[in-house]
Amino acid sequence: MVLVGWARDLYVGLFAWLERLAADWLLGLAARFAFLAVLYFYFLASWKTKTGPGLLGAFRIEDNAYYQIVPWAVEAAGGDIAELGLASHLIVFAGTMAELILPALIVAGLFTRAAALGMIVFVIVQSWVDIRFHGVDAQTAGAWFDRFSDSLIADQRLLWGFLLLFLAVKGAGAVSLDHLLKLNPAERHGEADKMTRHNK
């Protein structure tokens, strides 16, 4: 019994020390590093396929963007981009710019929670378009709860979503522009509590 209590105390003490060591900085920074290492350049390359070459072309939406983002609208217009309505143009512009801006905000740790939520929506829509309109086969789409862990959509994008969900809920951490600008809700509440106690 003494041995069990000692083992329990050792376990609790070790992980309490680890939790104090990580504090408010490690997990947010690690999540943003993982995003940078695994996803940032993927989305940057994808953005480049939708815009023109060079600095001036960076914000010029090319026809390829329409085929990637709103293929159903392009098909309905007979392949003529000029025949698309305003809504299609706005969706394509917003989707293209989101692919550039939201990942950069996450890496910088600026408005991280909002950017991560935006990326979750982006990935869900991207996955739906890939499966519904781009002819992704069943093996590429994959499935959950099978013995394979390498499908490009079901498996990989679920992990992307978890990473983004962590950032949306917990934020970028203390090593971020959010922290510097006091954009983290917990920090704001902490300051408000201090002010309340001070004024009493």
N, C-alpha and C. Protein backbone atom coordinates (compact mmCIF):
# COMPACT_ATOMS: atom_id res chain seq x y z
N MET A 1 0.82 -1.20 0.00
CA MET A 1 0.00 0.00 0.00
C MET A 1 0.86 1.26 0.00
N VAL A 2 1.93 1.21 0.81
CA VAL A 2 2.86 2.35 0.86
C VAL A 2 3.51 2.55 -0.50
N LEU A 3 3.86 1.44 -1.16
CA LEU A 3 4.49 1.51 -2.48
C LEU A 3 3.54 2.11 -3.51
N VAL A 4 2.27 1.73 -3.45
CA VAL A 4 1.27 2.28 -4.37
C VAL A 4 1.13 3.78 -4.16
N GLY A 5 1.07 4.21 -2.88
CA GLY A 5 0.97 5.64 -2.58
C GLY A 5 2.19 6.40 -3.05
N TRP A 6 3.36 5.80 -2.85
CA TRP A 6 4.61 6.44 -3.31
C TRP A 6 4.63 6.59 -4.83
N ALA A 7 4.21 5.53 -5.55
CA ALA A 7 4.17 5.57 -7.02
C ALA A 7 3.18 6.62 -7.51
N ARG A 8 2.01 6.69 -6.81
CA ARG A 8 1.02 7.69 -7.19
C ARG A 8 1.55 9.10 -6.98
N ASP A 9 2.18 9.34 -5.84
CA ASP A 9 2.73 10.67 -5.54
C ASP A 9 3.83 11.04 -6.53
N LEU A 10 4.65 10.07 -6.89
CA LEU A 10 5.71 10.31 -7.88
C LEU A 10 5.12 10.70 -9.22
N TYR A 11 4.10 9.94 -9.63
CA TYR A 11 3.43 10.20 -10.92
C TYR A 11 2.81 11.60 -10.92
N VAL A 12 2.03 11.90 -9.89
CA VAL A 12 1.35 13.20 -9.80
C VAL A 12 2.38 14.33 -9.72
N GLY A 13 3.40 14.14 -8.92
CA GLY A 13 4.43 15.17 -8.77
C GLY A 13 5.19 15.44 -10.05
N LEU A 14 5.54 14.36 -10.77
CA LEU A 14 6.27 14.50 -12.02
C LEU A 14 5.47 15.30 -13.05
N PHE A 15 4.19 14.95 -13.20
CA PHE A 15 3.40 15.61 -14.23
C PHE A 15 2.91 16.98 -13.79
N ALA A 16 2.81 17.21 -12.48
CA ALA A 16 2.53 18.56 -11.99
C ALA A 16 3.72 19.47 -12.30
N TRP A 17 4.93 18.94 -12.12
CA TRP A 17 6.15 19.71 -12.46
C TRP A 17 6.19 20.02 -13.95
N LEU A 18 5.85 19.01 -14.79
CA LEU A 18 5.85 19.21 -16.23
C LEU A 18 4.81 20.25 -16.64
N GLU A 19 3.65 20.20 -16.01
CA GLU A 19 2.59 21.17 -16.31
C GLU A 19 3.02 22.58 -15.93
N ARG A 20 3.68 22.73 -14.76
CA ARG A 20 4.18 24.05 -14.36
C ARG A 20 5.26 24.54 -15.30
N LEU A 21 6.12 23.62 -15.74
CA LEU A 21 7.21 23.98 -16.66
C LEU A 21 6.66 24.47 -17.99
N ALA A 22 5.65 23.77 -18.52
CA ALA A 22 5.06 24.15 -19.80
C ALA A 22 4.25 25.44 -19.66
N ALA A 23 3.60 25.60 -18.52
CA ALA A 23 2.82 26.79 -18.19
C ALA A 23 1.96 27.23 -19.38
N ASP A 24 2.04 28.51 -19.72
CA ASP A 24 1.17 29.07 -20.77
C ASP A 24 1.88 29.22 -22.11
N TRP A 25 3.10 28.74 -22.23
CA TRP A 25 3.84 29.05 -23.46
C TRP A 25 4.07 27.85 -24.38
N LEU A 26 4.25 26.66 -23.82
CA LEU A 26 4.77 25.54 -24.63
C LEU A 26 3.77 25.01 -25.66
N LEU A 27 2.55 24.69 -25.24
CA LEU A 27 1.62 24.01 -26.14
C LEU A 27 1.18 24.88 -27.31
N GLY A 28 0.88 26.15 -27.04
CA GLY A 28 0.51 27.05 -28.13
C GLY A 28 1.64 27.23 -29.12
N LEU A 29 2.86 27.37 -28.60
CA LEU A 29 4.03 27.52 -29.47
C LEU A 29 4.26 26.24 -30.27
N ALA A 30 4.14 25.08 -29.61
CA ALA A 30 4.35 23.80 -30.29
C ALA A 30 3.30 23.58 -31.37
N ALA A 31 2.05 23.94 -31.09
CA ALA A 31 0.98 23.78 -32.08
C ALA A 31 1.23 24.67 -33.29
N ARG A 32 1.67 25.89 -33.06
CA ARG A 32 1.96 26.80 -34.18
C ARG A 32 3.19 26.34 -34.96
N PHE A 33 4.18 25.78 -34.26
CA PHE A 33 5.34 25.22 -34.95
C PHE A 33 4.92 24.05 -35.84
N ALA A 34 4.07 23.17 -35.30
CA ALA A 34 3.59 22.03 -36.09
C ALA A 34 2.82 22.52 -37.31
N PHE A 35 2.00 23.55 -37.13
CA PHE A 35 1.26 24.12 -38.27
C PHE A 35 2.23 24.67 -39.31
N LEU A 36 3.25 25.39 -38.86
CA LEU A 36 4.25 25.94 -39.78
C LEU A 36 5.00 24.84 -40.52
N ALA A 37 5.42 23.82 -39.79
CA ALA A 37 6.24 22.75 -40.38
C ALA A 37 5.45 21.87 -41.33
N VAL A 38 4.16 21.63 -41.04
CA VAL A 38 3.39 20.65 -41.80
C VAL A 38 2.43 21.30 -42.79
N LEU A 39 1.79 22.42 -42.42
CA LEU A 39 0.67 22.93 -43.22
C LEU A 39 0.90 24.29 -43.88
N TYR A 40 1.72 25.14 -43.28
CA TYR A 40 1.84 26.51 -43.80
C TYR A 40 2.25 26.53 -45.27
N PHE A 41 3.28 25.79 -45.64
CA PHE A 41 3.79 25.83 -47.01
C PHE A 41 2.86 25.09 -47.97
N TYR A 42 2.10 24.14 -47.45
CA TYR A 42 1.06 23.49 -48.26
C TYR A 42 0.02 24.51 -48.70
N PHE A 43 -0.48 25.31 -47.74
CA PHE A 43 -1.49 26.31 -48.08
C PHE A 43 -0.90 27.44 -48.91
N LEU A 44 0.34 27.80 -48.67
CA LEU A 44 0.99 28.84 -49.47
C LEU A 44 1.13 28.38 -50.92
N ALA A 45 1.55 27.14 -51.13
CA ALA A 45 1.68 26.61 -52.50
C ALA A 45 0.31 26.54 -53.17
N SER A 46 -0.71 26.15 -52.41
CA SER A 46 -2.06 26.09 -52.96
C SER A 46 -2.55 27.48 -53.36
N TRP A 47 -2.27 28.48 -52.51
CA TRP A 47 -2.63 29.87 -52.84
C TRP A 47 -1.96 30.31 -54.13
N LYS A 48 -0.70 29.94 -54.31
CA LYS A 48 0.04 30.36 -55.51
C LYS A 48 -0.56 29.79 -56.78
N THR A 49 -1.25 28.63 -56.69
CA THR A 49 -1.88 28.06 -57.89
C THR A 49 -3.11 28.85 -58.31
N LYS A 50 -3.57 29.76 -57.45
CA LYS A 50 -4.80 30.50 -57.72
C LYS A 50 -4.55 31.95 -58.12
N THR A 51 -3.30 32.41 -58.03
CA THR A 51 -2.98 33.81 -58.29
C THR A 51 -1.93 33.92 -59.39
N GLY A 52 -1.73 35.15 -59.85
CA GLY A 52 -0.78 35.40 -60.93
C GLY A 52 0.66 35.42 -60.43
N PRO A 53 1.62 35.42 -61.37
CA PRO A 53 3.04 35.42 -60.99
C PRO A 53 3.51 36.80 -60.53
N GLY A 54 4.57 36.80 -59.75
CA GLY A 54 5.20 38.05 -59.33
C GLY A 54 4.42 38.78 -58.25
N LEU A 55 5.00 39.90 -57.79
CA LEU A 55 4.42 40.67 -56.71
C LEU A 55 3.07 41.26 -57.10
N LEU A 56 2.96 41.79 -58.29
CA LEU A 56 1.70 42.40 -58.73
C LEU A 56 0.61 41.36 -58.96
N GLY A 57 1.03 40.17 -59.35
CA GLY A 57 0.05 39.11 -59.60
C GLY A 57 -0.42 38.41 -58.35
N ALA A 58 0.21 38.72 -57.22
CA ALA A 58 -0.10 37.99 -55.98
C ALA A 58 -1.55 38.13 -55.56
N PHE A 59 -2.18 39.24 -55.94
CA PHE A 59 -3.58 39.45 -55.55
C PHE A 59 -4.51 39.44 -56.77
N ARG A 60 -4.00 38.94 -57.90
CA ARG A 60 -4.85 38.79 -59.09
C ARG A 60 -5.33 37.35 -59.14
N ILE A 61 -6.62 37.17 -59.08
CA ILE A 61 -7.20 35.83 -59.06
C ILE A 61 -7.22 35.27 -60.48
N GLU A 62 -6.60 34.12 -60.67
CA GLU A 62 -6.55 33.46 -61.97
C GLU A 62 -7.75 32.53 -62.15
N ASP A 63 -8.01 32.14 -63.40
CA ASP A 63 -9.13 31.25 -63.71
C ASP A 63 -9.04 29.93 -62.94
N ASN A 64 -7.82 29.47 -62.72
CA ASN A 64 -7.62 28.21 -62.02
C ASN A 64 -8.29 28.21 -60.64
N ALA A 65 -8.33 29.38 -59.99
CA ALA A 65 -8.95 29.48 -58.67
C ALA A 65 -10.43 29.12 -58.75
N TYR A 66 -11.08 29.53 -59.81
CA TYR A 66 -12.52 29.25 -59.97
C TYR A 66 -12.76 27.75 -60.15
N TYR A 67 -11.90 27.11 -60.93
CA TYR A 67 -12.05 25.67 -61.14
C TYR A 67 -11.80 24.88 -59.85
N GLN A 68 -10.93 25.43 -58.99
CA GLN A 68 -10.64 24.75 -57.73
C GLN A 68 -11.71 24.99 -56.67
N ILE A 69 -12.22 26.23 -56.57
CA ILE A 69 -13.07 26.60 -55.45
C ILE A 69 -14.56 26.45 -55.75
N VAL A 70 -15.00 26.86 -56.93
CA VAL A 70 -16.43 26.77 -57.27
C VAL A 70 -16.64 26.01 -58.58
N PRO A 71 -16.18 24.76 -58.66
CA PRO A 71 -16.27 24.02 -59.92
C PRO A 71 -17.71 23.85 -60.41
N TRP A 72 -18.68 23.75 -59.49
CA TRP A 72 -20.07 23.61 -59.90
C TRP A 72 -20.57 24.86 -60.64
N ALA A 73 -20.13 26.04 -60.19
CA ALA A 73 -20.55 27.29 -60.83
C ALA A 73 -19.89 27.43 -62.19
N VAL A 74 -18.63 27.04 -62.30
CA VAL A 74 -17.92 27.10 -63.59
C VAL A 74 -18.59 26.15 -64.60
N GLU A 75 -18.95 24.98 -64.13
CA GLU A 75 -19.62 24.02 -65.01
C GLU A 75 -20.98 24.56 -65.46
N ALA A 76 -21.72 25.17 -64.54
CA ALA A 76 -23.04 25.73 -64.89
C ALA A 76 -22.91 26.88 -65.88
N ALA A 77 -21.76 27.59 -65.82
CA ALA A 77 -21.53 28.71 -66.73
C ALA A 77 -20.88 28.25 -68.04
N GLY A 78 -20.80 26.95 -68.26
CA GLY A 78 -20.21 26.42 -69.49
C GLY A 78 -18.72 26.66 -69.59
N GLY A 79 -18.05 26.81 -68.43
CA GLY A 79 -16.61 27.02 -68.42
C GLY A 79 -16.19 28.46 -68.65
N ASP A 80 -17.15 29.38 -68.76
CA ASP A 80 -16.85 30.78 -69.02
C ASP A 80 -16.86 31.55 -67.70
N ILE A 81 -15.68 31.92 -67.21
CA ILE A 81 -15.56 32.61 -65.93
C ILE A 81 -16.30 33.95 -65.96
N ALA A 82 -16.32 34.60 -67.11
CA ALA A 82 -16.98 35.91 -67.22
C ALA A 82 -18.48 35.82 -66.98
N GLU A 83 -19.04 34.64 -67.15
CA GLU A 83 -20.48 34.46 -66.96
C GLU A 83 -20.87 34.20 -65.51
N LEU A 84 -19.89 34.08 -64.63
CA LEU A 84 -20.19 33.80 -63.22
C LEU A 84 -20.78 35.02 -62.54
N GLY A 85 -21.64 34.76 -61.55
CA GLY A 85 -22.26 35.84 -60.80
C GLY A 85 -21.33 36.42 -59.74
N LEU A 86 -21.79 37.50 -59.13
CA LEU A 86 -21.00 38.19 -58.10
C LEU A 86 -20.68 37.28 -56.93
N ALA A 87 -21.64 36.45 -56.53
CA ALA A 87 -21.43 35.57 -55.38
C ALA A 87 -20.23 34.64 -55.61
N SER A 88 -20.12 34.08 -56.81
CA SER A 88 -19.00 33.19 -57.12
C SER A 88 -17.67 33.93 -57.05
N HIS A 89 -17.65 35.16 -57.58
CA HIS A 89 -16.42 35.95 -57.54
C HIS A 89 -16.02 36.26 -56.09
N LEU A 90 -17.00 36.59 -55.26
CA LEU A 90 -16.71 36.90 -53.85
C LEU A 90 -16.21 35.66 -53.11
N ILE A 91 -16.84 34.51 -53.35
CA ILE A 91 -16.41 33.26 -52.71
C ILE A 91 -14.98 32.93 -53.08
N VAL A 92 -14.66 33.05 -54.38
CA VAL A 92 -13.31 32.72 -54.85
C VAL A 92 -12.28 33.70 -54.29
N PHE A 93 -12.61 34.98 -54.29
CA PHE A 93 -11.68 35.96 -53.74
C PHE A 93 -11.44 35.70 -52.25
N ALA A 94 -12.53 35.50 -51.49
CA ALA A 94 -12.41 35.26 -50.05
C ALA A 94 -11.63 33.98 -49.78
N GLY A 95 -11.92 32.90 -50.52
CA GLY A 95 -11.23 31.64 -50.32
C GLY A 95 -9.74 31.73 -50.63
N THR A 96 -9.41 32.45 -51.70
CA THR A 96 -8.02 32.59 -52.10
C THR A 96 -7.24 33.41 -51.09
N MET A 97 -7.81 34.53 -50.66
CA MET A 97 -7.12 35.39 -49.68
C MET A 97 -7.03 34.71 -48.31
N ALA A 98 -8.07 33.94 -47.95
CA ALA A 98 -8.04 33.22 -46.67
C ALA A 98 -6.88 32.24 -46.64
N GLU A 99 -6.59 31.63 -47.77
CA GLU A 99 -5.52 30.64 -47.84
C GLU A 99 -4.15 31.29 -47.64
N LEU A 100 -4.05 32.57 -47.90
CA LEU A 100 -2.81 33.31 -47.68
C LEU A 100 -2.77 33.91 -46.27
N ILE A 101 -3.85 34.57 -45.87
CA ILE A 101 -3.83 35.39 -44.66
C ILE A 101 -3.98 34.56 -43.38
N LEU A 102 -4.94 33.62 -43.36
CA LEU A 102 -5.20 32.88 -42.11
C LEU A 102 -3.98 32.07 -41.64
N PRO A 103 -3.30 31.31 -42.53
CA PRO A 103 -2.11 30.60 -42.07
C PRO A 103 -1.01 31.54 -41.55
N ALA A 104 -0.85 32.69 -42.19
CA ALA A 104 0.17 33.64 -41.73
C ALA A 104 -0.17 34.16 -40.34
N LEU A 105 -1.44 34.42 -40.07
CA LEU A 105 -1.86 34.88 -38.75
C LEU A 105 -1.59 33.82 -37.69
N ILE A 106 -1.86 32.55 -38.03
CA ILE A 106 -1.61 31.47 -37.07
C ILE A 106 -0.13 31.36 -36.74
N VAL A 107 0.72 31.40 -37.74
CA VAL A 107 2.16 31.31 -37.50
C VAL A 107 2.65 32.48 -36.66
N ALA A 108 2.14 33.68 -36.95
CA ALA A 108 2.55 34.86 -36.20
C ALA A 108 1.96 34.88 -34.80
N GLY A 109 0.89 34.12 -34.59
CA GLY A 109 0.22 34.16 -33.29
C GLY A 109 -0.57 35.44 -33.11
N LEU A 110 -1.20 35.91 -34.19
CA LEU A 110 -1.99 37.14 -34.15
C LEU A 110 -3.44 36.82 -34.53
N PHE A 111 -4.37 37.17 -33.67
CA PHE A 111 -5.79 36.80 -33.87
C PHE A 111 -5.89 35.29 -34.13
N THR A 112 -5.11 34.55 -33.37
CA THR A 112 -4.94 33.12 -33.61
C THR A 112 -6.24 32.34 -33.52
N ARG A 113 -7.04 32.64 -32.51
CA ARG A 113 -8.29 31.90 -32.32
C ARG A 113 -9.22 32.07 -33.51
N ALA A 114 -9.40 33.31 -33.96
CA ALA A 114 -10.26 33.57 -35.11
C ALA A 114 -9.70 32.95 -36.38
N ALA A 115 -8.38 33.06 -36.56
CA ALA A 115 -7.74 32.48 -37.75
C ALA A 115 -7.89 30.96 -37.75
N ALA A 116 -7.73 30.33 -36.58
CA ALA A 116 -7.86 28.87 -36.50
C ALA A 116 -9.30 28.44 -36.79
N LEU A 117 -10.28 29.18 -36.27
CA LEU A 117 -11.68 28.87 -36.59
C LEU A 117 -11.94 29.01 -38.09
N GLY A 118 -11.41 30.08 -38.68
CA GLY A 118 -11.53 30.27 -40.12
C GLY A 118 -10.91 29.12 -40.91
N MET A 119 -9.76 28.64 -40.46
CA MET A 119 -9.10 27.53 -41.14
C MET A 119 -9.89 26.23 -40.98
N ILE A 120 -10.55 26.03 -39.83
CA ILE A 120 -11.38 24.84 -39.67
C ILE A 120 -12.50 24.84 -40.70
N VAL A 121 -13.17 25.97 -40.85
CA VAL A 121 -14.23 26.09 -41.86
C VAL A 121 -13.64 25.87 -43.26
N PHE A 122 -12.48 26.47 -43.51
CA PHE A 122 -11.83 26.33 -44.81
C PHE A 122 -11.55 24.86 -45.12
N VAL A 123 -11.00 24.13 -44.17
CA VAL A 123 -10.64 22.72 -44.39
C VAL A 123 -11.89 21.86 -44.60
N ILE A 124 -12.95 22.16 -43.86
CA ILE A 124 -14.21 21.41 -44.06
C ILE A 124 -14.74 21.63 -45.48
N VAL A 125 -14.78 22.89 -45.91
CA VAL A 125 -15.27 23.20 -47.26
C VAL A 125 -14.34 22.60 -48.31
N GLN A 126 -13.04 22.73 -48.11
CA GLN A 126 -12.05 22.16 -49.03
C GLN A 126 -12.26 20.66 -49.19
N SER A 127 -12.48 19.97 -48.08
CA SER A 127 -12.67 18.52 -48.12
C SER A 127 -13.96 18.16 -48.87
N TRP A 128 -15.03 18.92 -48.59
CA TRP A 128 -16.31 18.68 -49.27
C TRP A 128 -16.17 18.88 -50.78
N VAL A 129 -15.51 19.97 -51.19
CA VAL A 129 -15.33 20.24 -52.62
C VAL A 129 -14.47 19.15 -53.26
N ASP A 130 -13.41 18.74 -52.57
CA ASP A 130 -12.55 17.68 -53.12
C ASP A 130 -13.33 16.39 -53.36
N ILE A 131 -14.16 16.01 -52.40
CA ILE A 131 -14.89 14.75 -52.51
C ILE A 131 -16.06 14.87 -53.48
N ARG A 132 -16.80 15.97 -53.38
CA ARG A 132 -18.04 16.11 -54.16
C ARG A 132 -17.79 16.49 -55.61
N PHE A 133 -16.79 17.32 -55.87
CA PHE A 133 -16.66 17.90 -57.21
C PHE A 133 -15.34 17.57 -57.92
N HIS A 134 -14.29 17.18 -57.19
CA HIS A 134 -13.01 16.94 -57.84
C HIS A 134 -12.73 15.45 -58.05
N GLY A 135 -13.72 14.63 -57.86
CA GLY A 135 -13.58 13.20 -58.18
C GLY A 135 -12.57 12.45 -57.35
N VAL A 136 -12.42 12.83 -56.08
CA VAL A 136 -11.49 12.11 -55.21
C VAL A 136 -12.02 10.69 -55.01
N ASP A 137 -11.16 9.70 -55.20
CA ASP A 137 -11.61 8.32 -55.06
C ASP A 137 -11.73 7.93 -53.59
N ALA A 138 -12.37 6.80 -53.34
CA ALA A 138 -12.67 6.36 -51.98
C ALA A 138 -11.40 6.13 -51.17
N GLN A 139 -10.34 5.63 -51.79
CA GLN A 139 -9.09 5.37 -51.07
C GLN A 139 -8.46 6.68 -50.61
N THR A 140 -8.48 7.70 -51.47
CA THR A 140 -7.91 9.00 -51.11
C THR A 140 -8.76 9.67 -50.04
N ALA A 141 -10.09 9.57 -50.18
CA ALA A 141 -10.98 10.14 -49.17
C ALA A 141 -10.81 9.43 -47.84
N GLY A 142 -10.67 8.12 -47.89
CA GLY A 142 -10.44 7.34 -46.67
C GLY A 142 -11.66 7.23 -45.80
N ALA A 143 -11.46 6.70 -44.62
CA ALA A 143 -12.54 6.51 -43.66
C ALA A 143 -11.96 6.47 -42.26
N TRP A 144 -12.79 6.83 -41.29
CA TRP A 144 -12.37 6.71 -39.89
C TRP A 144 -12.68 5.31 -39.38
N PHE A 145 -12.03 4.95 -38.31
CA PHE A 145 -12.27 3.69 -37.60
C PHE A 145 -11.92 2.46 -38.45
N ASP A 146 -10.99 2.64 -39.39
CA ASP A 146 -10.48 1.48 -40.11
C ASP A 146 -9.03 1.26 -39.66
N ARG A 147 -8.36 0.29 -40.26
CA ARG A 147 -7.00 0.01 -39.79
C ARG A 147 -5.94 0.84 -40.51
N PHE A 148 -6.37 1.71 -41.44
CA PHE A 148 -5.42 2.54 -42.19
C PHE A 148 -5.43 3.95 -41.61
N SER A 149 -4.25 4.56 -41.55
CA SER A 149 -4.15 5.90 -40.94
C SER A 149 -3.57 6.93 -41.90
N ASP A 150 -3.58 6.60 -43.19
CA ASP A 150 -2.85 7.47 -44.12
C ASP A 150 -3.71 8.08 -45.22
N SER A 151 -5.04 8.10 -45.06
CA SER A 151 -5.85 8.71 -46.12
C SER A 151 -5.65 10.21 -46.11
N LEU A 152 -5.65 10.80 -47.31
CA LEU A 152 -5.32 12.22 -47.46
C LEU A 152 -6.41 13.14 -46.94
N ILE A 153 -7.63 12.64 -46.86
CA ILE A 153 -8.71 13.52 -46.41
C ILE A 153 -9.21 13.13 -45.02
N ALA A 154 -9.82 11.96 -44.87
CA ALA A 154 -10.43 11.60 -43.59
C ALA A 154 -9.42 11.62 -42.45
N ASP A 155 -8.27 11.00 -42.64
CA ASP A 155 -7.30 10.89 -41.56
C ASP A 155 -6.47 12.16 -41.37
N GLN A 156 -5.84 12.60 -42.44
CA GLN A 156 -4.95 13.75 -42.31
C GLN A 156 -5.70 15.00 -41.89
N ARG A 157 -6.85 15.24 -42.52
CA ARG A 157 -7.55 16.49 -42.23
C ARG A 157 -8.24 16.47 -40.86
N LEU A 158 -8.53 15.29 -40.33
CA LEU A 158 -9.00 15.22 -38.95
C LEU A 158 -7.90 15.68 -38.00
N LEU A 159 -6.67 15.27 -38.27
CA LEU A 159 -5.54 15.72 -37.44
C LEU A 159 -5.31 17.22 -37.61
N TRP A 160 -5.44 17.73 -38.84
CA TRP A 160 -5.35 19.18 -39.04
C TRP A 160 -6.39 19.88 -38.19
N GLY A 161 -7.62 19.33 -38.24
CA GLY A 161 -8.72 19.94 -37.51
C GLY A 161 -8.48 19.96 -36.01
N PHE A 162 -7.90 18.88 -35.49
CA PHE A 162 -7.62 18.84 -34.05
C PHE A 162 -6.58 19.90 -33.68
N LEU A 163 -5.54 20.03 -34.48
CA LEU A 163 -4.51 21.04 -34.25
C LEU A 163 -5.13 22.44 -34.25
N LEU A 164 -5.99 22.70 -35.24
CA LEU A 164 -6.63 24.00 -35.35
C LEU A 164 -7.63 24.22 -34.21
N LEU A 165 -8.34 23.17 -33.82
CA LEU A 165 -9.28 23.29 -32.71
C LEU A 165 -8.56 23.64 -31.41
N PHE A 166 -7.40 23.03 -31.19
CA PHE A 166 -6.61 23.36 -30.01
C PHE A 166 -6.28 24.85 -29.99
N LEU A 167 -5.82 25.38 -31.14
CA LEU A 167 -5.45 26.79 -31.22
C LEU A 167 -6.68 27.69 -31.06
N ALA A 168 -7.82 27.27 -31.59
CA ALA A 168 -9.04 28.07 -31.46
C ALA A 168 -9.50 28.14 -30.01
N VAL A 169 -9.37 27.04 -29.27
CA VAL A 169 -9.85 27.00 -27.89
C VAL A 169 -8.83 27.55 -26.91
N LYS A 170 -7.56 27.16 -27.06
CA LYS A 170 -6.54 27.52 -26.08
C LYS A 170 -5.72 28.75 -26.48
N GLY A 171 -5.71 29.09 -27.75
CA GLY A 171 -4.96 30.25 -28.20
C GLY A 171 -3.50 29.95 -28.50
N ALA A 172 -2.77 31.00 -28.83
CA ALA A 172 -1.40 30.86 -29.30
C ALA A 172 -0.38 30.73 -28.18
N GLY A 173 -0.77 31.04 -26.97
CA GLY A 173 0.16 30.95 -25.85
C GLY A 173 0.92 32.24 -25.63
N ALA A 174 1.82 32.19 -24.64
CA ALA A 174 2.52 33.39 -24.19
C ALA A 174 3.57 33.89 -25.18
N VAL A 175 4.05 33.00 -26.07
CA VAL A 175 5.04 33.43 -27.06
C VAL A 175 4.29 33.74 -28.36
N SER A 176 3.62 34.89 -28.37
CA SER A 176 2.78 35.24 -29.52
C SER A 176 2.48 36.73 -29.51
N LEU A 177 2.03 37.22 -30.65
CA LEU A 177 1.58 38.61 -30.73
C LEU A 177 0.28 38.79 -29.96
N ASP A 178 -0.54 37.75 -29.93
CA ASP A 178 -1.78 37.82 -29.13
C ASP A 178 -1.45 38.16 -27.67
N HIS A 179 -0.44 37.49 -27.13
CA HIS A 179 -0.04 37.74 -25.74
C HIS A 179 0.50 39.16 -25.59
N LEU A 180 1.31 39.58 -26.53
CA LEU A 180 1.91 40.91 -26.48
C LEU A 180 0.83 42.00 -26.52
N LEU A 181 -0.20 41.77 -27.34
CA LEU A 181 -1.28 42.76 -27.49
C LEU A 181 -2.44 42.52 -26.52
N LYS A 182 -2.26 41.52 -25.62
CA LYS A 182 -3.28 41.17 -24.63
C LYS A 182 -4.62 40.82 -25.29
N LEU A 183 -4.55 39.93 -26.28
CA LEU A 183 -5.76 39.48 -26.98
C LEU A 183 -6.28 38.14 -26.47
N ASN A 184 -5.60 37.59 -25.45
CA ASN A 184 -6.05 36.31 -24.88
C ASN A 184 -7.11 36.57 -23.83
N PRO A 185 -8.29 35.94 -23.96
CA PRO A 185 -9.38 36.19 -23.01
C PRO A 185 -8.99 35.97 -21.55
N ALA A 186 -8.23 34.91 -21.26
CA ALA A 186 -7.86 34.62 -19.87
C ALA A 186 -7.03 35.76 -19.28
N GLU A 187 -6.16 36.34 -20.08
CA GLU A 187 -5.34 37.45 -19.61
C GLU A 187 -6.20 38.68 -19.35
N ARG A 188 -7.18 38.89 -20.22
CA ARG A 188 -8.07 40.04 -20.06
C ARG A 188 -8.92 39.89 -18.79
N HIS A 189 -9.41 38.66 -18.55
CA HIS A 189 -10.19 38.42 -17.34
C HIS A 189 -9.32 38.58 -16.10
N GLY A 190 -8.08 38.11 -16.19
CA GLY A 190 -7.15 38.25 -15.07
C GLY A 190 -6.92 39.71 -14.72
N GLU A 191 -6.74 40.53 -15.74
CA GLU A 191 -6.55 41.96 -15.51
C GLU A 191 -7.79 42.59 -14.91
N ALA A 192 -8.97 42.19 -15.42
CA ALA A 192 -10.23 42.72 -14.89
C ALA A 192 -10.40 42.33 -13.42
N ASP A 193 -10.04 41.09 -13.08
CA ASP A 193 -10.13 40.64 -11.69
C ASP A 193 -9.20 41.44 -10.79
N LYS A 194 -7.98 41.71 -11.28
CA LYS A 194 -7.03 42.50 -10.50
C LYS A 194 -7.57 43.91 -10.26
N MET A 195 -8.16 44.50 -11.31
CA MET A 195 -8.72 45.86 -11.19
C MET A 195 -9.85 45.87 -10.18
N THR A 196 -10.70 44.83 -10.22
CA THR A 196 -11.84 44.75 -9.29
C THR A 196 -11.35 44.66 -7.85
N ARG A 197 -10.36 43.77 -7.63
CA ARG A 197 -9.81 43.62 -6.28
C ARG A 197 -9.15 44.91 -5.80
N HIS A 198 -8.47 45.60 -6.73
CA HIS A 198 -7.76 46.84 -6.39
C HIS A 198 -8.75 47.94 -5.99
N ASN A 199 -9.92 47.98 -6.67
CA ASN A 199 -10.90 49.03 -6.42
C ASN A 199 -11.74 48.80 -5.18
N LYS A 200 -11.67 47.57 -4.62
CA LYS A 200 -12.46 47.28 -3.42
C LYS A 200 -11.83 47.90 -2.19
